Amino acid sequence: MDPSAVWRDKQHKWRIEAYRAPDLRFAIFATNGTTESAPLWLFGMSALARWLMTHAISLDDLESD
């Protein structure tokens, strides 16, 4: 399953991949140079919005990858 969109924060600590299958879900990866974590799966826009708020990441901090 390929992501339909991918974003990174400006510090490149996080990578967010969006998937449409059959609902909208997001995989969040913590990145550190060449290594990355297992994905944290979030289901729906409200879950992504809560995650971004708890990590103090605004939409302006995201860049397309």
C-alpha atoms as a PDB file:
ATOM      1  CA  MET A   1       0.000   0.000   0.000  1.00  0.00           C
ATOM      2  CA  ASP A   2       1.587   3.273  -1.126  1.00  0.00           C
ATOM      3  CA  PRO A   3       0.919   6.513   0.756  1.00  0.00           C
ATOM      4  CA  SER A   4      -1.172   9.130  -1.019  1.00  0.00           C
ATOM      5  CA  ALA A   5       0.755  11.972   0.675  1.00  0.00           C
ATOM      6  CA  VAL A   6       3.901  12.324   2.797  1.00  0.00           C
ATOM      7  CA  TRP A   7       4.941  15.219   5.037  1.00  0.00           C
ATOM      8  CA  ARG A   8       7.886  15.966   7.330  1.00  0.00           C
ATOM      9  CA  ASP A   9       8.233  18.532  10.065  1.00  0.00           C
ATOM     10  CA  LYS A  10      10.859  21.234   9.614  1.00  0.00           C
ATOM     11  CA  GLN A  11      13.271  19.602  12.081  1.00  0.00           C
ATOM     12  CA  HIS A  12      12.878  16.246  10.285  1.00  0.00           C
ATOM     13  CA  LYS A  13      12.050  14.487  13.550  1.00  0.00           C
ATOM     14  CA  TRP A  14       8.706  13.166  12.254  1.00  0.00           C
ATOM     15  CA  ARG A  15       7.385  11.773   8.974  1.00  0.00           C
ATOM     16  CA  ILE A  16       3.639  11.537   8.370  1.00  0.00           C
ATOM     17  CA  GLU A  17       2.176   9.333   5.634  1.00  0.00           C
ATOM     18  CA  ALA A  18      -1.498   9.480   4.631  1.00  0.00           C
ATOM     19  CA  TYR A  19      -3.347   6.400   3.334  1.00  0.00           C
ATOM     20  CA  ARG A  20      -6.851   6.012   1.921  1.00  0.00           C
ATOM     21  CA  ALA A  21      -7.898   2.426   2.512  1.00  0.00           C
ATOM     22  CA  PRO A  22     -11.007   2.345   2.963  1.00  0.00           C
ATOM     23  CA  ASP A  23     -10.941   5.122   5.565  1.00  0.00           C
ATOM     24  CA  LEU A  24      -8.380   7.902   6.006  1.00  0.00           C
ATOM     25  CA  ARG A  25      -5.461   6.821   8.181  1.00  0.00           C
ATOM     26  CA  PHE A  26      -2.058   8.249   8.980  1.00  0.00           C
ATOM     27  CA  ALA A  27       1.222   6.545   9.838  1.00  0.00           C
ATOM     28  CA  ILE A  28       3.551   8.614  12.042  1.00  0.00           C
ATOM     29  CA  PHE A  29       7.257   7.709  12.104  1.00  0.00           C
ATOM     30  CA  ALA A  30       9.863   9.173  14.460  1.00  0.00           C
ATOM     31  CA  THR A  31      13.033   9.678  12.413  1.00  0.00           C
ATOM     32  CA  ASN A  32      16.610  10.129  13.557  1.00  0.00           C
ATOM     33  CA  GLY A  33      19.094  10.305  10.703  1.00  0.00           C
ATOM     34  CA  THR A  34      19.014   6.920   8.987  1.00  0.00           C
ATOM     35  CA  THR A  35      16.786   5.108  11.507  1.00  0.00           C
ATOM     36  CA  GLU A  36      13.056   5.389  12.083  1.00  0.00           C
ATOM     37  CA  SER A  37      10.520   3.971  14.478  1.00  0.00           C
ATOM     38  CA  ALA A  38       7.687   1.563  13.867  1.00  0.00           C
ATOM     39  CA  PRO A  39       4.593   3.460  12.688  1.00  0.00           C
ATOM     40  CA  LEU A  40       2.031   4.914  15.044  1.00  0.00           C
ATOM     41  CA  TRP A  41      -1.313   4.512  13.243  1.00  0.00           C
ATOM     42  CA  LEU A  42      -3.907   7.265  13.604  1.00  0.00           C
ATOM     43  CA  PHE A  43      -7.409   6.924  12.184  1.00  0.00           C
ATOM     44  CA  GLY A  44      -9.082  10.083  10.885  1.00  0.00           C
ATOM     45  CA  MET A  45      -8.294  13.781  10.737  1.00  0.00           C
ATOM     46  CA  SER A  46      -9.337  14.422  14.349  1.00  0.00           C
ATOM     47  CA  ALA A  47      -6.748  11.921  15.614  1.00  0.00           C
ATOM     48  CA  LEU A  48      -4.047  13.578  13.489  1.00  0.00           C
ATOM     49  CA  ALA A  49      -5.085  17.045  14.720  1.00  0.00           C
ATOM     50  CA  ARG A  50      -4.848  15.905  18.370  1.00  0.00           C
ATOM     51  CA  TRP A  51      -1.425  14.332  17.755  1.00  0.00           C
ATOM     52  CA  LEU A  52      -0.110  17.508  16.075  1.00  0.00           C
ATOM     53  CA  MET A  53      -1.406  19.654  18.963  1.00  0.00           C
ATOM     54  CA  THR A  54       0.163  17.452  21.653  1.00  0.00           C
ATOM     55  CA  HIS A  55       3.529  17.640  19.863  1.00  0.00           C
ATOM     56  CA  ALA A  56       3.220  21.424  19.252  1.00  0.00           C
ATOM     57  CA  ILE A  57       3.479  21.020  15.470  1.00  0.00           C
ATOM     58  CA  SER A  58       1.486  23.479  13.370  1.00  0.00           C
ATOM     59  CA  LEU A  59       0.462  22.935   9.769  1.00  0.00           C
ATOM     60  CA  ASP A  60       2.986  25.616   8.781  1.00  0.00           C
ATOM     61  CA  ASP A  61       5.735  23.380  10.222  1.00  0.00           C
ATOM     62  CA  LEU A  62       4.966  20.584   7.740  1.00  0.00           C
ATOM     63  CA  GLU A  63       6.647  20.313   4.345  1.00  0.00           C
ATOM     64  CA  SER A  64       5.856  17.881   1.540  1.00  0.00           C
ATOM     65  CA  ASP A  65       8.285  15.051   1.142  1.00  0.00           C
END
